[in-house]
Amino acid sequence: MGCFNLVSIFFICLFSLSNLLITIQYTAAQAYRSHSCLGDNYTTGSTFQTNLNLLLPSLSSANNSIIIKNGYANATVGRNPDTVYGSFQCRGDLTLEDCQGCVKIGAEEIKENDRCPNSKQAFIWYDECMLRYSNENYFSIMQISPGRYLWNRNSISNPVQFRQTVNDFLNDLVGETVSNGGSAAIKFASGVTNTTINNFTKVYGIVQCTEDISLSNCNRCLLGAISELQDCCDGKQGGRVLRPSCNFRFEIEPFFESTIISAPSPPPDPLSFPTPLPSSTITNTPNCK
């Protein structure tokens, strides 16, 4: 009997460890990049907190309880003065399942003690999605702040020529994004360009806006972000600007799916470092990574 119990305990522990490893692997797949906490703090046990606790699961639920269009969805819970507005935007090449997986992690982590435990406004960015909530209605409003710069640790020896190549490439992607079929089309473009700089044969890039803003504001947001390329990641093999309403990223290694998959309606990344934008560039519009 004692031997049987030991064997049973062994397999129970092994099963639990397997589940833990699966959970860790799933969580790690959603690569956290940055977060931002804004506004006043809410009181523990307040109506606002109750509404927020209802909002976040509704955004991250997998039962299509809200309409998801091109990886974007928003929701509102409660009445003034305790209304909570929330939304997410997934990268344009994700499947619905991967999108919801990323949003689920974000909804769980955004209120953690090392993130924004009591903030009335918060953002959290991952490689594959962005999640945010606020006590103010921000839907359909183009925003460039708070913004973040992130960059690849590895440098190149010809930064001026490489920057020009990346700048032209990203601007071409913006052109694709704002002329890809009207307001109903996905505000996302990805591509690859060839370069002989530093023996790098290719540069991979994406640009994206949140689905709630207009194409004209999307164009303005992205061009503004790309204009900060030199401040963001000059001389680096990769970089990005993160803004609430848009973002871009480039790398010399592939990091996105080759086929864009928009969600139905309804239904090896080098280390990088986030840094707030200089105070002189903080305005009411999105930034870069």
Protein backbone atom coordinates (compact mmCIF):
# COMPACT_ATOMS: atom_id res chain seq x y z
CA MET A 1 0.00 0.00 0.00
CA GLY A 2 2.87 2.32 0.91
CA CYS A 3 4.53 1.66 -2.44
CA PHE A 4 1.25 2.31 -4.25
CA ASN A 5 0.85 5.63 -2.44
CA LEU A 6 4.38 6.68 -3.37
CA VAL A 7 3.78 5.83 -7.03
CA SER A 8 0.46 7.70 -6.96
CA ILE A 9 2.08 10.74 -5.39
CA PHE A 10 4.87 10.62 -7.99
CA PHE A 11 2.44 10.66 -10.91
CA ILE A 12 0.30 13.35 -9.30
CA CYS A 13 3.39 15.52 -8.85
CA LEU A 14 4.50 14.78 -12.40
CA PHE A 15 1.07 15.75 -13.76
CA SER A 16 1.04 18.96 -11.71
CA LEU A 17 4.55 19.84 -12.90
CA SER A 18 3.52 19.27 -16.52
CA ASN A 19 0.55 21.60 -16.13
CA LEU A 20 2.78 24.20 -14.49
CA LEU A 21 5.30 24.02 -17.34
CA ILE A 22 2.50 24.36 -19.90
CA THR A 23 1.18 27.41 -18.06
CA ILE A 24 4.65 28.96 -17.84
CA GLN A 25 5.29 28.31 -21.52
CA TYR A 26 1.92 29.79 -22.49
CA THR A 27 2.53 32.89 -20.38
CA ALA A 28 6.08 33.33 -21.65
CA ALA A 29 4.81 33.25 -25.23
CA GLN A 30 3.09 36.58 -24.55
CA ALA A 31 6.25 38.67 -24.30
CA TYR A 32 5.60 41.61 -21.96
CA ARG A 33 7.20 44.83 -23.15
CA SER A 34 5.96 47.79 -21.11
CA HIS A 35 3.11 49.33 -19.15
CA SER A 36 1.92 52.76 -18.08
CA CYS A 37 -0.27 53.87 -15.15
CA LEU A 38 -2.12 57.19 -15.35
CA GLY A 39 -4.78 59.20 -13.58
CA ASP A 40 -6.00 58.96 -10.02
CA ASN A 41 -6.11 55.80 -7.95
CA TYR A 42 -9.37 54.08 -7.19
CA THR A 43 -10.30 52.93 -3.69
CA THR A 44 -10.23 49.24 -2.88
CA GLY A 45 -13.80 47.96 -2.70
CA SER A 46 -15.18 50.92 -4.66
CA THR A 47 -17.79 50.76 -7.40
CA PHE A 48 -15.08 51.60 -9.93
CA GLN A 49 -13.09 48.55 -8.89
CA THR A 50 -16.21 46.38 -9.14
CA ASN A 51 -16.83 47.66 -12.66
CA LEU A 52 -13.19 47.12 -13.62
CA ASN A 53 -13.35 43.56 -12.31
CA LEU A 54 -16.33 42.99 -14.62
CA LEU A 55 -14.74 44.70 -17.61
CA LEU A 56 -11.40 42.88 -17.82
CA PRO A 57 -12.85 39.33 -17.93
CA SER A 58 -15.34 40.45 -20.59
CA LEU A 59 -12.45 41.61 -22.78
CA SER A 60 -10.43 38.45 -22.25
CA SER A 61 -13.25 35.90 -22.47
CA ALA A 62 -13.03 33.31 -25.22
CA ASN A 63 -16.77 33.05 -25.86
CA ASN A 64 -17.03 36.01 -28.24
CA SER A 65 -19.28 37.87 -25.82
CA ILE A 66 -18.13 41.07 -27.51
CA ILE A 67 -17.55 41.76 -31.18
CA ILE A 68 -13.93 41.45 -32.29
CA LYS A 69 -13.06 43.26 -35.51
CA ASN A 70 -9.59 42.84 -36.97
CA GLY A 71 -8.18 41.93 -33.57
CA TYR A 72 -9.80 44.93 -31.85
CA ALA A 73 -12.66 45.17 -29.37
CA ASN A 74 -13.88 47.59 -26.75
CA ALA A 75 -16.38 47.46 -23.89
CA THR A 76 -17.91 49.75 -21.27
CA VAL A 77 -19.13 48.88 -17.78
CA GLY A 78 -20.99 51.03 -15.24
CA ARG A 79 -22.42 54.51 -14.98
CA ASN A 80 -20.80 57.88 -14.28
CA PRO A 81 -18.84 58.68 -12.24
CA ASP A 82 -17.67 55.05 -12.06
CA THR A 83 -17.77 54.08 -15.74
CA VAL A 84 -14.84 51.99 -16.97
CA TYR A 85 -13.86 51.94 -20.66
CA GLY A 86 -11.60 49.19 -21.96
CA SER A 87 -10.19 47.87 -25.22
CA PHE A 88 -7.53 45.71 -26.79
CA GLN A 89 -5.73 45.54 -30.12
CA CYS A 90 -3.93 42.42 -31.30
CA ARG A 91 -1.22 42.29 -33.94
CA GLY A 92 -2.74 41.92 -37.38
CA ASP A 93 -1.28 38.51 -38.18
CA LEU A 94 -2.68 36.68 -35.13
CA THR A 95 -5.40 34.07 -35.10
CA LEU A 96 -8.42 34.72 -32.89
CA GLU A 97 -7.19 32.07 -30.45
CA ASP A 98 -3.73 33.62 -30.12
CA CYS A 99 -5.24 37.08 -29.80
CA GLN A 100 -7.52 36.02 -26.96
CA GLY A 101 -4.63 34.22 -25.26
CA CYS A 102 -2.56 37.41 -25.23
CA VAL A 103 -5.48 39.53 -24.01
CA LYS A 104 -6.20 37.05 -21.23
CA ILE A 105 -2.65 37.36 -19.91
CA GLY A 106 -2.87 41.16 -20.14
CA ALA A 107 -6.16 41.29 -18.25
CA GLU A 108 -4.63 39.23 -15.46
CA GLU A 109 -1.35 41.15 -15.25
CA ILE A 110 -2.44 44.76 -15.71
CA LYS A 111 -3.62 45.09 -12.09
CA GLU A 112 -0.72 43.24 -10.49
CA ASN A 113 1.31 45.03 -7.81
CA ASP A 114 4.27 45.60 -10.12
CA ARG A 115 2.00 46.92 -12.88
CA CYS A 116 -1.01 49.19 -12.12
CA PRO A 117 -2.80 47.79 -9.05
CA ASN A 118 -5.09 50.78 -8.31
CA SER A 119 -4.83 53.09 -11.32
CA LYS A 120 -7.94 54.45 -13.01
CA GLN A 121 -6.08 54.45 -16.33
CA ALA A 122 -3.60 51.81 -17.47
CA PHE A 123 -1.87 50.38 -20.56
CA ILE A 124 0.01 47.13 -20.98
CA TRP A 125 1.94 46.17 -24.12
CA TYR A 126 3.05 42.75 -25.31
CA ASP A 127 4.65 41.63 -28.55
CA GLU A 128 1.27 40.41 -29.75
CA CYS A 129 -1.31 42.75 -28.22
CA MET A 130 -2.05 45.89 -26.24
CA LEU A 131 -4.70 46.16 -23.50
CA ARG A 132 -5.92 49.36 -21.86
CA TYR A 133 -8.68 50.75 -19.66
CA SER A 134 -9.68 54.20 -18.44
CA ASN A 135 -12.24 56.16 -16.47
CA GLU A 136 -12.49 58.46 -19.53
CA ASN A 137 -14.01 57.62 -22.90
CA TYR A 138 -11.11 57.40 -25.35
CA PHE A 139 -12.74 55.31 -28.09
CA SER A 140 -12.08 56.63 -31.63
CA ILE A 141 -9.71 59.32 -30.29
CA MET A 142 -6.18 59.25 -31.71
CA GLN A 143 -3.59 59.38 -28.93
CA ILE A 144 0.20 59.45 -29.02
CA SER A 145 0.94 59.38 -25.31
CA PRO A 146 1.98 57.70 -23.18
CA GLY A 147 4.61 56.34 -25.57
CA ARG A 148 7.51 53.96 -25.33
CA TYR A 149 10.73 53.36 -27.26
CA LEU A 150 12.20 49.87 -27.41
CA TRP A 151 15.26 48.72 -29.28
CA ASN A 152 17.36 45.71 -30.15
CA ARG A 153 20.58 45.45 -28.15
CA ASN A 154 22.64 44.73 -31.25
CA SER A 155 24.12 47.61 -33.24
CA ILE A 156 25.04 48.14 -36.89
CA SER A 157 28.13 49.87 -38.26
CA ASN A 158 26.36 52.11 -40.79
CA PRO A 159 23.47 53.71 -38.87
CA VAL A 160 22.78 56.59 -41.27
CA GLN A 161 22.29 54.42 -44.35
CA PHE A 162 20.40 51.77 -42.38
CA ARG A 163 18.10 54.39 -40.83
CA GLN A 164 17.22 55.74 -44.28
CA THR A 165 16.46 52.23 -45.55
CA VAL A 166 14.22 51.53 -42.55
CA ASN A 167 12.54 54.93 -42.79
CA ASP A 168 11.66 54.45 -46.47
CA PHE A 169 10.52 50.90 -45.83
CA LEU A 170 8.22 51.84 -42.94
CA ASN A 171 6.76 54.75 -44.89
CA ASP A 172 5.94 52.35 -47.72
CA LEU A 173 4.12 50.13 -45.22
CA VAL A 174 2.15 53.12 -43.96
CA GLY A 175 1.11 53.79 -47.54
CA GLU A 176 -0.20 50.21 -47.78
CA THR A 177 -2.05 50.56 -44.49
CA VAL A 178 -3.98 53.72 -45.34
CA SER A 179 -4.81 52.72 -48.92
CA ASN A 180 -5.75 49.08 -48.42
CA GLY A 181 -9.46 49.23 -49.03
CA GLY A 182 -11.10 51.89 -46.91
CA SER A 183 -12.10 52.22 -43.28
CA ALA A 184 -13.35 48.63 -43.05
CA ALA A 185 -9.94 47.18 -43.92
CA ILE A 186 -7.45 46.10 -41.32
CA LYS A 187 -5.10 48.92 -40.27
CA PHE A 188 -2.02 46.72 -40.38
CA ALA A 189 0.74 46.05 -42.86
CA SER A 190 3.81 43.84 -42.75
CA GLY A 191 6.62 43.31 -45.20
CA VAL A 192 10.23 42.53 -45.96
CA THR A 193 12.79 44.67 -47.77
CA ASN A 194 16.25 43.80 -49.04
CA THR A 195 19.39 45.61 -47.97
CA THR A 196 23.13 45.02 -48.35
CA ILE A 197 24.04 47.06 -45.28
CA ASN A 198 26.29 45.14 -42.84
CA ASN A 199 25.67 41.99 -44.89
CA PHE A 200 22.05 42.00 -43.75
CA THR A 201 19.97 40.75 -46.64
CA LYS A 202 16.53 41.58 -45.25
CA VAL A 203 14.69 43.90 -42.90
CA TYR A 204 11.28 42.84 -41.55
CA GLY A 205 8.71 45.39 -40.46
CA ILE A 206 5.13 46.01 -39.37
CA VAL A 207 3.00 49.09 -38.85
CA GLN A 208 -0.40 49.11 -37.17
CA CYS A 209 -3.11 51.38 -35.83
CA THR A 210 -5.98 50.55 -33.52
CA GLU A 211 -9.14 49.81 -35.47
CA ASP A 212 -11.18 52.54 -33.79
CA ILE A 213 -9.35 55.53 -35.30
CA SER A 214 -9.84 56.92 -38.81
CA LEU A 215 -7.44 56.23 -41.67
CA SER A 216 -6.34 59.88 -41.72
CA ASN A 217 -5.52 59.78 -38.02
CA CYS A 218 -3.84 56.42 -38.51
CA ASN A 219 -1.62 57.96 -41.19
CA ARG A 220 -0.81 60.94 -38.94
CA CYS A 221 -0.06 58.73 -35.96
CA LEU A 222 2.27 56.38 -37.83
CA LEU A 223 4.16 59.09 -39.68
CA GLY A 224 4.70 60.88 -36.38
CA ALA A 225 6.02 57.70 -34.80
CA ILE A 226 8.37 57.00 -37.71
CA SER A 227 9.71 60.57 -37.48
CA GLU A 228 11.07 59.54 -34.05
CA LEU A 229 13.08 56.67 -35.53
CA GLN A 230 16.42 58.34 -34.83
CA ASP A 231 15.50 59.09 -31.21
CA CYS A 232 14.07 55.63 -30.71
CA CYS A 233 16.61 53.19 -32.01
CA ASP A 234 19.27 54.78 -34.19
CA GLY A 235 22.12 52.42 -35.00
CA LYS A 236 20.25 49.34 -33.76
CA GLN A 237 19.32 46.21 -35.68
CA GLY A 238 15.71 46.54 -34.56
CA GLY A 239 13.37 48.85 -32.72
CA ARG A 240 9.84 50.05 -32.22
CA VAL A 241 7.72 52.94 -31.11
CA LEU A 242 4.64 52.14 -29.05
CA ARG A 243 1.75 54.55 -28.87
CA PRO A 244 -1.82 54.03 -27.64
CA SER A 245 -3.20 54.39 -31.17
CA CYS A 246 -0.38 53.05 -33.34
CA ASN A 247 2.98 51.33 -33.38
CA PHE A 248 5.74 50.16 -35.67
CA ARG A 249 8.50 47.60 -35.39
CA PHE A 250 11.46 46.54 -37.53
CA GLU A 251 14.05 43.77 -37.11
CA ILE A 252 16.65 42.00 -39.25
CA GLU A 253 15.06 38.69 -38.22
CA PRO A 254 11.45 37.59 -38.92
CA PHE A 255 9.03 38.12 -36.02
CA PHE A 256 5.56 37.97 -37.59
CA GLU A 257 3.48 35.48 -39.53
CA SER A 258 3.78 35.78 -43.29
CA THR A 259 0.02 35.65 -43.77
CA ILE A 260 -2.25 38.24 -42.19
CA ILE A 261 -5.13 36.60 -40.37
CA SER A 262 -7.85 38.94 -39.15
CA ALA A 263 -10.11 37.72 -36.37
CA PRO A 264 -13.75 37.00 -37.33
CA SER A 265 -16.39 39.48 -36.34
CA PRO A 266 -17.90 38.36 -34.14
CA PRO A 267 -16.69 35.35 -33.74
CA PRO A 268 13.38 34.87 -31.48
CA ASP A 269 13.08 38.36 -30.22
CA PRO A 270 16.35 39.99 -28.94
CA LEU A 271 16.17 41.67 -25.55
CA SER A 272 14.94 45.23 -25.70
CA PHE A 273 14.57 48.05 -23.22
CA PRO A 274 11.59 50.38 -22.71
CA THR A 275 12.04 54.05 -21.96
CA PRO A 276 9.49 56.86 -21.58
CA LEU A 277 9.50 59.49 -24.28
CA PRO A 278 11.09 62.84 -23.46
CA SER A 279 8.61 65.14 -21.73
CA SER A 280 8.72 67.53 -24.67
CA THR A 281 7.23 64.85 -26.93
CA ILE A 282 4.43 63.76 -24.60
CA THR A 283 1.17 64.95 -26.14
CA ASN A 284 -2.28 63.55 -26.62
CA THR A 285 -1.24 61.10 -29.36
CA PRO A 286 0.50 57.58 -29.49
CA ASN A 287 4.30 56.73 -29.53
CA CYS A 288 6.91 54.10 -30.44
CA LYS A 289 8.81 51.01 -29.49
